[in-house]
Protein backbone atom coordinates (compact mmCIF):
# COMPACT_ATOMS: atom_id res chain seq x y z
CA MET A 1 192.21 48.58 111.17
CA THR A 2 195.18 47.31 110.20
CA LYS A 3 198.27 49.59 110.17
CA SER A 4 199.61 48.18 106.88
CA ALA A 5 202.31 50.64 105.07
CA TYR A 6 202.73 50.11 100.86
CA ILE A 7 205.81 52.65 99.55
CA TYR A 8 206.35 53.44 96.09
CA THR A 9 210.76 54.02 95.28
CA PHE A 10 211.81 56.70 92.38
CA GLY A 11 215.09 57.44 91.79
CA CYS A 12 219.24 56.26 93.47
CA GLN A 13 220.09 54.26 96.09
CA MET A 14 220.05 56.99 98.13
CA ASN A 15 216.13 56.78 98.20
CA GLU A 16 215.62 52.88 98.30
CA HIS A 17 218.17 53.30 101.50
CA ASP A 18 215.51 55.95 102.66
CA SER A 19 212.94 53.74 102.03
CA GLN A 20 213.94 51.16 104.04
CA ARG A 21 214.64 53.14 106.87
CA MET A 22 210.91 54.61 106.74
CA PHE A 23 209.37 51.19 106.87
CA GLU A 24 211.85 50.22 109.51
CA ILE A 25 210.66 53.73 111.45
CA LEU A 26 206.39 52.44 110.59
CA ALA A 27 206.95 48.75 111.55
CA ALA A 28 208.34 49.96 114.88
CA ASN A 29 205.11 51.45 115.29
CA GLY A 30 202.71 48.36 114.27
CA TYR A 31 202.75 48.78 110.48
CA GLU A 32 203.03 45.95 108.45
CA MET A 33 204.14 45.46 104.94
CA ALA A 34 201.26 45.52 102.43
CA ALA A 35 201.22 43.70 99.38
CA SER A 36 199.71 46.06 97.21
CA PRO A 37 198.61 50.23 97.25
CA GLU A 38 194.90 48.68 97.38
CA GLY A 39 195.07 47.43 100.59
CA ALA A 40 197.29 49.74 102.34
CA SER A 41 196.39 52.10 105.32
CA LEU A 42 199.03 54.36 104.88
CA ILE A 43 200.81 55.18 101.19
CA LEU A 44 204.17 56.77 101.07
CA ILE A 45 205.92 57.96 97.65
CA ASN A 46 209.40 58.49 98.13
CA THR A 47 210.25 60.97 94.73
CA CYS A 48 212.90 62.37 92.79
CA SER A 49 213.55 65.27 90.78
CA VAL A 50 216.96 64.71 89.56
CA ARG A 51 215.06 64.96 85.66
CA ALA A 52 211.83 66.25 85.11
CA ASN A 53 210.26 62.37 84.59
CA PRO A 54 210.71 61.07 87.79
CA GLN A 55 209.11 64.13 88.69
CA ASN A 56 206.05 63.39 86.30
CA LYS A 57 205.63 60.26 87.31
CA VAL A 58 204.83 61.45 90.72
CA TYR A 59 202.35 63.44 89.96
CA SER A 60 200.69 60.77 87.19
CA LEU A 61 200.95 58.28 90.50
CA LEU A 62 199.09 60.52 92.47
CA GLY A 63 196.02 60.71 89.65
CA GLN A 64 195.91 56.72 90.29
CA LEU A 65 195.77 56.56 93.75
CA ARG A 66 192.57 59.57 93.92
CA PRO A 67 190.20 56.67 93.74
CA LEU A 68 191.70 54.56 96.41
CA LYS A 69 191.79 57.53 98.48
CA GLN A 70 188.12 58.09 97.75
CA ALA A 71 187.25 54.49 98.11
CA ASN A 72 188.95 55.32 101.67
CA PRO A 73 188.99 58.52 103.11
CA GLU A 74 190.92 57.01 106.21
CA LEU A 75 193.66 56.13 103.64
CA ILE A 76 196.60 58.63 104.68
CA ILE A 77 198.70 59.26 101.44
CA GLY A 78 201.98 60.83 101.81
CA VAL A 79 205.07 62.73 99.08
CA ALA A 80 208.10 62.43 100.23
CA GLY A 81 212.07 62.87 99.16
CA CYS A 82 213.25 65.59 96.90
CA VAL A 83 209.90 66.70 94.47
CA ALA A 84 208.37 66.93 98.55
CA GLN A 85 211.50 68.71 99.40
CA GLN A 86 211.69 71.07 96.30
CA GLU A 87 207.29 71.14 95.97
CA GLY A 88 206.55 71.69 99.67
CA LYS A 89 203.11 73.04 99.94
CA ASN A 90 202.35 73.45 96.11
CA LEU A 91 201.76 69.41 96.55
CA LEU A 92 199.30 70.13 98.92
CA ARG A 93 197.47 73.09 96.29
CA ARG A 94 197.99 70.81 93.38
CA GLU A 95 196.91 67.39 95.08
CA ARG A 96 194.12 66.91 97.44
CA ALA A 97 194.66 63.27 97.70
CA VAL A 98 198.11 64.05 99.84
CA ASP A 99 197.83 63.90 103.18
CA MET A 100 201.79 65.00 103.83
CA VAL A 101 204.45 66.06 102.49
CA PHE A 102 208.17 65.69 103.49
CA GLY A 103 211.81 66.10 102.69
CA PRO A 104 214.88 63.64 103.14
CA ASP A 105 215.60 65.31 106.49
CA ASN A 106 212.25 64.74 108.22
CA TYR A 107 211.15 60.78 107.88
CA PHE A 108 212.64 59.99 111.02
CA LEU A 109 209.49 62.13 112.30
CA LEU A 110 206.85 59.96 110.37
CA PRO A 111 205.33 58.76 113.50
CA LYS A 112 204.77 62.57 114.54
CA MET A 113 203.31 63.50 111.01
CA ILE A 114 200.43 60.12 111.09
CA GLU A 115 199.22 61.75 114.41
CA ALA A 116 198.76 65.06 112.95
CA VAL A 117 197.18 63.91 110.18
CA ARG A 118 194.72 61.90 112.06
CA ALA A 119 194.01 64.52 114.22
CA GLY A 120 192.58 66.08 110.93
CA GLU A 121 195.84 68.40 109.71
CA ARG A 122 197.57 68.66 106.33
CA VAL A 123 200.98 68.25 106.79
CA VAL A 124 204.14 70.14 105.05
CA MET A 125 207.87 68.87 106.94
CA THR A 126 210.77 70.25 104.62
CA ASP A 127 212.99 72.11 107.18
CA ARG A 128 216.36 70.90 106.58
CA LEU A 129 218.54 69.79 109.73
CA PRO A 130 221.04 72.45 110.81
CA ARG A 131 224.45 72.39 108.20
CA ASP A 132 226.64 74.29 111.03
CA LYS A 133 228.94 71.34 110.91
CA GLU A 134 230.45 69.72 108.16
CA VAL A 135 230.31 66.51 110.32
CA GLN A 136 226.99 65.26 111.52
CA ASN A 137 225.27 61.77 112.76
CA PHE A 138 221.96 62.49 110.66
CA ILE A 139 220.92 59.05 111.69
CA PRO A 140 219.77 59.16 115.31
CA GLU A 141 221.61 57.31 117.55
CA GLU A 142 218.63 54.84 118.61
CA TRP A 143 218.29 53.64 114.87
CA VAL A 144 221.91 53.22 114.21
CA GLU A 145 221.95 49.66 114.58
CA HIS A 146 218.62 48.88 113.34
CA GLY A 147 218.95 49.57 109.69
CA HIS A 148 218.05 47.25 106.91
CA VAL A 149 218.91 44.05 105.47
CA GLU A 150 216.74 43.08 102.48
CA GLY A 151 217.70 39.86 101.33
CA CYS A 152 221.53 39.84 101.62
CA LYS A 153 222.08 43.60 100.94
CA ALA A 154 221.96 46.42 102.93
CA TYR A 155 222.92 50.05 102.80
CA VAL A 156 224.59 52.41 104.54
CA ALA A 157 224.55 56.18 104.26
CA ILE A 158 227.94 57.76 104.70
CA MET A 159 227.20 61.26 103.95
CA LYS A 160 224.29 63.65 102.36
CA GLY A 161 224.32 66.57 100.27
CA CYS A 162 226.39 67.52 98.01
CA HIS A 163 228.87 70.66 97.40
CA ASN A 164 229.87 70.41 93.62
CA PHE A 165 226.83 72.48 92.15
CA CYS A 166 226.94 70.88 88.73
CA SER A 167 225.19 73.18 86.78
CA PHE A 168 222.35 70.63 85.56
CA CYS A 169 221.93 69.46 88.79
CA ILE A 170 219.33 69.40 91.63
CA VAL A 171 220.73 67.49 94.56
CA PRO A 172 222.14 70.51 96.44
CA HIS A 173 218.76 72.50 96.29
CA VAL A 174 216.99 69.75 97.67
CA ARG A 175 219.22 67.58 99.59
CA GLY A 176 221.55 70.50 100.58
CA ARG A 177 225.36 70.89 101.66
CA GLU A 178 227.68 67.58 102.16
CA VAL A 179 227.94 66.20 105.73
CA SER A 180 229.37 63.29 106.95
CA ARG A 181 228.80 60.80 109.12
CA GLU A 182 231.62 59.83 111.74
CA ALA A 183 233.20 56.69 111.12
CA ASP A 184 232.41 54.88 114.08
CA ASN A 185 229.04 55.65 113.38
CA ILE A 186 228.82 54.02 109.97
CA LEU A 187 230.89 51.27 110.93
CA ARG A 188 228.73 50.65 114.11
CA GLU A 189 225.92 49.80 111.71
CA ALA A 190 227.99 48.11 109.20
CA ARG A 191 228.40 45.59 111.84
CA ALA A 192 224.69 45.22 112.87
CA LEU A 193 224.00 44.69 109.57
CA ILE A 194 226.30 42.44 109.37
CA ALA A 195 225.26 40.69 112.31
CA LYS A 196 221.29 40.38 110.89
CA GLY A 197 222.77 38.62 107.37
CA ALA A 198 223.83 41.22 105.23
CA LYS A 199 226.51 39.59 103.42
CA GLU A 200 227.12 42.66 100.66
CA ILE A 201 226.82 46.09 101.94
CA TRP A 202 226.66 49.48 99.31
CA LEU A 203 227.98 52.79 100.67
CA LEU A 204 226.02 55.43 100.16
CA GLY A 205 226.44 59.40 99.10
CA GLN A 206 225.87 61.84 96.33
CA ASN A 207 229.56 62.29 96.61
CA VAL A 208 231.18 59.33 98.30
CA ASN A 209 234.89 60.09 97.94
CA SER A 210 234.39 63.76 99.25
CA TYR A 211 233.73 62.22 102.70
CA ARG A 212 235.40 63.67 105.31
CA ALA A 213 234.57 62.99 109.18
CA ASP A 214 237.50 64.14 111.38
CA ASP A 215 240.84 62.66 110.60
CA TRP A 216 238.76 59.83 108.57
CA ASP A 217 238.69 60.25 104.59
CA PHE A 218 237.17 57.94 102.12
CA TYR A 219 240.04 55.89 101.29
CA ARG A 220 240.38 55.09 105.26
CA LEU A 221 236.69 54.63 105.36
CA LEU A 222 236.36 52.13 102.62
CA ASP A 223 239.64 50.19 103.98
CA ALA A 224 237.87 49.93 107.23
CA ALA A 225 234.75 48.77 105.75
CA SER A 226 236.21 46.16 103.41
CA GLN A 227 238.14 44.05 106.53
CA LEU A 228 234.59 43.71 108.60
CA ASP A 229 234.41 40.61 109.61
CA GLY A 230 231.48 38.36 108.05
CA LEU A 231 231.30 40.83 104.98
CA LYS A 232 231.72 38.98 102.00
CA ARG A 233 231.05 42.37 99.53
CA LEU A 234 231.74 45.96 99.22
CA ARG A 235 229.94 48.40 97.06
CA PHE A 236 229.92 52.20 96.69
CA THR A 237 228.30 54.71 94.69
CA SER A 238 228.68 57.43 93.53
CA PRO A 239 231.90 58.62 93.65
CA HIS A 240 232.80 62.01 91.49
CA PRO A 241 235.52 61.96 88.84
CA LYS A 242 237.58 64.77 90.00
CA ASP A 243 237.53 63.02 93.45
CA TRP A 244 238.93 59.63 92.60
CA SER A 245 242.41 58.86 93.26
CA ASN A 246 245.03 55.94 91.76
CA ARG A 247 245.22 55.41 95.41
CA LEU A 248 241.90 54.39 95.43
CA SER A 249 242.28 52.26 92.47
CA ASP A 250 245.17 50.45 94.36
CA LEU A 251 242.98 50.12 97.34
CA MET A 252 239.82 48.07 95.00
CA ALA A 253 242.57 45.84 93.78
CA ALA A 254 244.07 45.33 97.22
CA ARG A 255 240.77 44.26 99.05
CA PRO A 256 239.44 41.48 97.86
CA THR A 257 235.85 42.36 99.22
CA ILE A 258 235.60 45.46 97.30
CA CYS A 259 233.84 44.39 94.21
CA ASN A 260 235.24 44.88 90.75
CA HIS A 261 232.75 47.47 90.13
CA LEU A 262 232.89 50.74 89.62
CA HIS A 263 229.85 53.36 89.11
CA LEU A 264 231.83 56.62 87.75
CA PRO A 265 229.95 59.05 85.98
CA PHE A 266 231.28 61.05 82.99
CA GLN A 267 227.71 63.16 81.91
CA ALA A 268 229.71 64.09 78.37
CA GLY A 269 232.60 64.26 76.66
CA SER A 270 233.33 67.37 75.57
CA ASP A 271 235.43 69.62 77.58
CA ARG A 272 233.44 72.64 76.42
CA VAL A 273 230.28 70.70 78.17
CA LEU A 274 231.95 70.09 80.88
CA ALA A 275 233.17 73.32 81.90
CA LEU A 276 229.86 74.52 81.31
CA MET A 277 228.20 71.49 83.60
CA ASN A 278 230.97 73.00 86.01
CA ARG A 279 232.22 69.25 86.49
CA ARG A 280 235.83 70.83 86.86
CA HIS A 281 237.53 67.71 85.62
CA THR A 282 238.36 66.73 81.60
CA ALA A 283 237.74 64.16 79.04
CA GLN A 284 241.26 62.95 79.43
CA GLU A 285 241.61 63.13 83.21
CA PHE A 286 238.75 61.08 83.20
CA LEU A 287 239.97 58.06 80.91
CA GLU A 288 243.37 58.54 82.72
CA LYS A 289 242.11 57.85 85.60
CA VAL A 290 239.47 55.03 84.43
CA ALA A 291 242.81 53.72 82.25
CA TYR A 292 244.94 52.83 85.35
CA LEU A 293 242.12 51.41 87.21
CA LYS A 294 241.62 49.10 84.32
CA THR A 295 245.08 48.21 84.78
CA ALA A 296 245.26 47.90 88.24
CA VAL A 297 242.31 45.51 88.74
CA PRO A 298 242.17 44.56 85.17
CA ASP A 299 238.38 42.47 85.79
CA VAL A 300 236.87 45.57 87.03
CA GLU A 301 233.17 46.62 85.33
CA VAL A 302 233.28 50.34 84.82
CA SER A 303 229.21 51.79 84.53
CA THR A 304 228.45 55.69 84.08
CA ASP A 305 225.67 58.49 83.58
CA LEU A 306 225.58 60.79 80.53
CA ILE A 307 223.44 63.36 79.68
CA VAL A 308 222.90 64.44 76.12
CA GLY A 309 221.39 67.60 74.33
CA PHE A 310 222.79 69.87 77.17
CA PRO A 311 222.57 73.71 76.33
CA GLY A 312 224.80 74.43 73.83
CA GLU A 313 226.19 71.03 72.76
CA THR A 314 227.09 70.74 69.36
CA GLU A 315 227.14 67.62 66.86
CA GLY A 316 231.07 67.77 67.57
CA ASP A 317 230.68 67.73 71.27
CA PHE A 318 227.86 64.90 71.26
CA GLU A 319 230.88 63.35 69.06
CA GLN A 320 233.27 63.18 71.41
CA THR A 321 231.18 61.66 74.12
CA LEU A 322 230.59 58.88 71.70
CA ASP A 323 234.63 58.85 71.83
CA VAL A 324 234.65 58.29 75.65
CA LEU A 325 232.01 55.57 74.84
CA ARG A 326 234.21 53.87 72.88
CA ALA A 327 237.05 54.02 74.60
CA VAL A 328 236.12 52.99 78.12
CA ARG A 329 233.67 50.32 76.72
CA PHE A 330 231.30 51.02 79.83
CA SER A 331 229.44 47.75 81.23
CA GLN A 332 226.56 49.64 81.97
CA VAL A 333 225.15 53.31 80.85
CA TYR A 334 222.15 55.59 82.11
CA ALA A 335 221.90 57.58 79.42
CA PHE A 336 219.28 60.38 79.94
CA MET A 337 218.42 63.91 77.68
CA TYR A 338 218.77 67.20 79.23
CA SER A 339 215.61 68.73 81.37
CA PRO A 340 216.43 72.24 82.91
CA ARG A 341 215.59 71.69 86.76
CA PRO A 342 214.36 74.41 88.74
CA GLY A 343 216.91 76.69 90.18
CA THR A 344 220.29 75.40 88.72
CA ARG A 345 222.40 77.17 86.68
CA ALA A 346 222.09 75.19 83.49
CA ALA A 347 217.66 76.28 83.65
CA GLU A 348 219.21 80.09 83.34
CA LEU A 349 220.44 78.87 79.66
CA GLU A 350 219.00 78.77 76.70
CA ASP A 351 217.90 74.87 75.63
CA SER A 352 219.41 75.39 72.52
CA VAL A 353 219.40 71.84 71.23
CA PRO A 354 215.40 70.92 69.91
CA LYS A 355 213.97 67.93 71.64
CA ALA A 356 214.24 65.52 68.58
CA MET A 357 218.15 66.39 68.03
CA LYS A 358 218.08 65.46 71.71
CA GLN A 359 215.99 61.67 71.08
CA GLU A 360 218.36 61.10 68.16
CA ARG A 361 221.30 61.51 70.07
CA LEU A 362 220.29 59.53 72.93
CA GLN A 363 219.21 56.42 70.43
CA ARG A 364 222.72 57.12 69.20
CA ALA A 365 224.27 56.86 72.22
CA LEU A 366 222.24 53.48 73.42
CA ALA A 367 223.23 51.87 69.97
CA LEU A 368 226.63 52.11 70.63
CA TYR A 369 226.33 50.88 74.31
CA GLU A 370 224.35 48.42 73.18
CA SER A 371 226.93 46.82 70.64
CA ILE A 372 229.88 47.42 72.48
CA ASN A 373 228.12 45.75 75.64
CA ALA A 374 227.01 42.73 73.03
CA GLU A 375 230.69 42.36 72.42
CA GLU A 376 232.10 42.60 75.76
CA SER A 377 229.43 40.22 76.92
CA GLN A 378 231.15 37.39 74.99
CA LYS A 379 233.92 36.99 76.93
CA TYR A 380 231.71 35.71 79.80
CA LEU A 381 230.92 32.81 77.48
CA ASP A 382 231.67 29.91 79.65
CA ALA A 383 234.01 31.71 81.67
CA PHE A 384 233.86 31.19 85.88
CA GLN A 385 232.08 33.74 87.90
CA GLU A 386 231.73 34.23 91.22
CA VAL A 387 228.29 34.88 92.14
CA LEU A 388 226.09 36.45 95.13
CA ILE A 389 222.84 34.71 94.79
CA GLU A 390 220.03 36.99 96.02
CA GLY A 391 216.77 35.30 95.69
CA PRO A 392 214.56 32.82 93.32
CA ASP A 393 215.04 34.30 90.07
CA PRO A 394 212.26 36.39 89.17
CA LYS A 395 211.96 35.21 85.48
CA LYS A 396 212.85 31.30 85.39
CA ARG A 397 211.16 28.63 87.98
CA ASN A 398 213.50 26.47 90.30
CA ALA A 399 216.58 28.69 89.42
CA MET A 400 218.21 31.90 91.27
CA HIS A 401 219.20 34.72 90.61
CA GLY A 402 222.53 36.92 91.87
CA ARG A 403 225.07 39.07 90.44
CA THR A 404 229.09 38.94 89.76
CA GLU A 405 231.12 41.25 91.30
CA GLY A 406 230.96 43.47 87.99
CA ASN A 407 226.93 43.64 89.01
CA ARG A 408 226.16 41.88 86.21
CA HIS A 409 222.66 39.89 87.01
CA VAL A 410 223.30 35.97 86.56
CA THR A 411 220.25 33.53 85.89
CA VAL A 412 221.87 30.08 88.25
CA ASN A 413 220.48 27.18 87.32
CA GLY A 414 221.64 23.91 89.56
CA ASP A 415 222.06 22.96 93.24
CA VAL A 416 222.10 26.54 94.94
CA SER A 417 221.56 26.57 99.40
CA GLY A 418 220.32 29.77 99.63
CA VAL A 419 220.36 33.72 99.60
CA GLY A 420 223.77 35.00 100.81
CA ASP A 421 225.97 32.30 99.34
CA LEU A 422 228.87 32.90 97.12
CA VAL A 423 228.70 30.14 94.31
CA LEU A 424 230.88 29.65 91.58
CA VAL A 425 229.10 29.48 88.54
CA ARG A 426 230.05 28.49 85.11
CA ILE A 427 228.16 30.76 82.49
CA THR A 428 226.49 28.82 79.29
CA ALA A 429 224.16 32.04 77.70
CA VAL A 430 224.84 35.31 77.30
CA ARG A 431 221.80 38.14 77.00
CA ALA A 432 221.86 41.74 76.27
CA HIS A 433 221.59 42.63 80.06
CA SER A 434 221.93 39.08 82.14
CA LEU A 435 224.23 36.56 81.70
CA GLU A 436 223.41 32.60 82.99
CA GLY A 437 224.79 29.86 84.55
CA ASP A 438 225.16 26.42 86.09
CA VAL A 439 226.82 26.00 89.34
CA ALA A 440 230.35 24.82 88.58
CA THR A 441 231.54 21.27 90.36
CA ARG A 442 234.78 23.14 90.59
CA VAL A 443 235.59 24.76 93.72
CA GLY A 444 237.54 28.01 94.66
CA ALA A 445 237.85 31.39 92.60
CA GLU A 446 240.47 33.08 90.82
CA GLN A 447 241.60 35.94 93.32
CA LYS A 448 241.85 39.69 92.19
């Protein structure tokens, strides 16, 4: 039987990175990527438990996979990631179709787990790597220079875990405390990815700008990575507002490879709610840092996360959140209704905002964002944008798709050489969440 794997991925770029790593490990052990779960001998579900809804989707998906397992008892189904770390043996008890459960620190042990399942065991591996040191090369040495390039893009995990313990967030409970990789370890991986064809690299961590390894901080690492030979674009996610500095804004302005895009979660506009969330910054501090960034990098795009309906949130608190949306005019807003996560401090608070009110506030926040985005997007019409080509456009034949420095999706018409090209595009159409344009005849692009 052909060894083939299909991986479902829920959640953030860190999970995408982990899924890519898992497939690299499987490929080294003779697996091919299956086109569909129906054609796979191994199905992995890489999960996210930051909110209740993605966790619920996992159990729903497992129900849908049950008939495949019944039709093919040799099929191995594994659950990985944060839900696996959180639920552990409960997943095996709750869903008989699951053969193995493993947390984020254990995916390099996949071959060993698969072997145990083939021998008739059901496997749970949720032990974390020891956190006795704050600097730890958690990518095994033999895998440092064997990362995955997807098209022209690659992810590099520079740290994992979190010290912040925001009261709503489960990450420190499932990913553990902060651990940073040595800078040389990170830069070797980045150089290897560039040699494999990566034109854009994302530096990843739960809180990238708290990176610390020996005498390296995030500023020094970002500066070094931005000057790697052959790299066209450098991105990073996600920084915490309390650790963001004007010095980092100046570095973004100084280094052409660092994209003019910052994802900076503010979560709430009320200082009272921010204190309850244990965010350790005020709304005014957030606004001042963004204002400085926009002065240093005038064409920067800022995206964000926010939570509505946090315990105790009043209408006045929510209005202050809308005030921040109006002030910053974010390019993208990921807005969510609060849902209590087990083990967090917020879960001990009374979930006092009714669900209907949370839904209404969420719709108001999204409606305001959509209105602002519609206005802001108009500035791109007839403008020239440098676009990194990522592949054929999924919705339009004979066209390619790519992204601007500001991380806006662009459908590109015209003569485009291929994936990884940087092309100058004149924007001819503006849609709700994307742009369309033609390859320009003009040569060059304006510098930052």
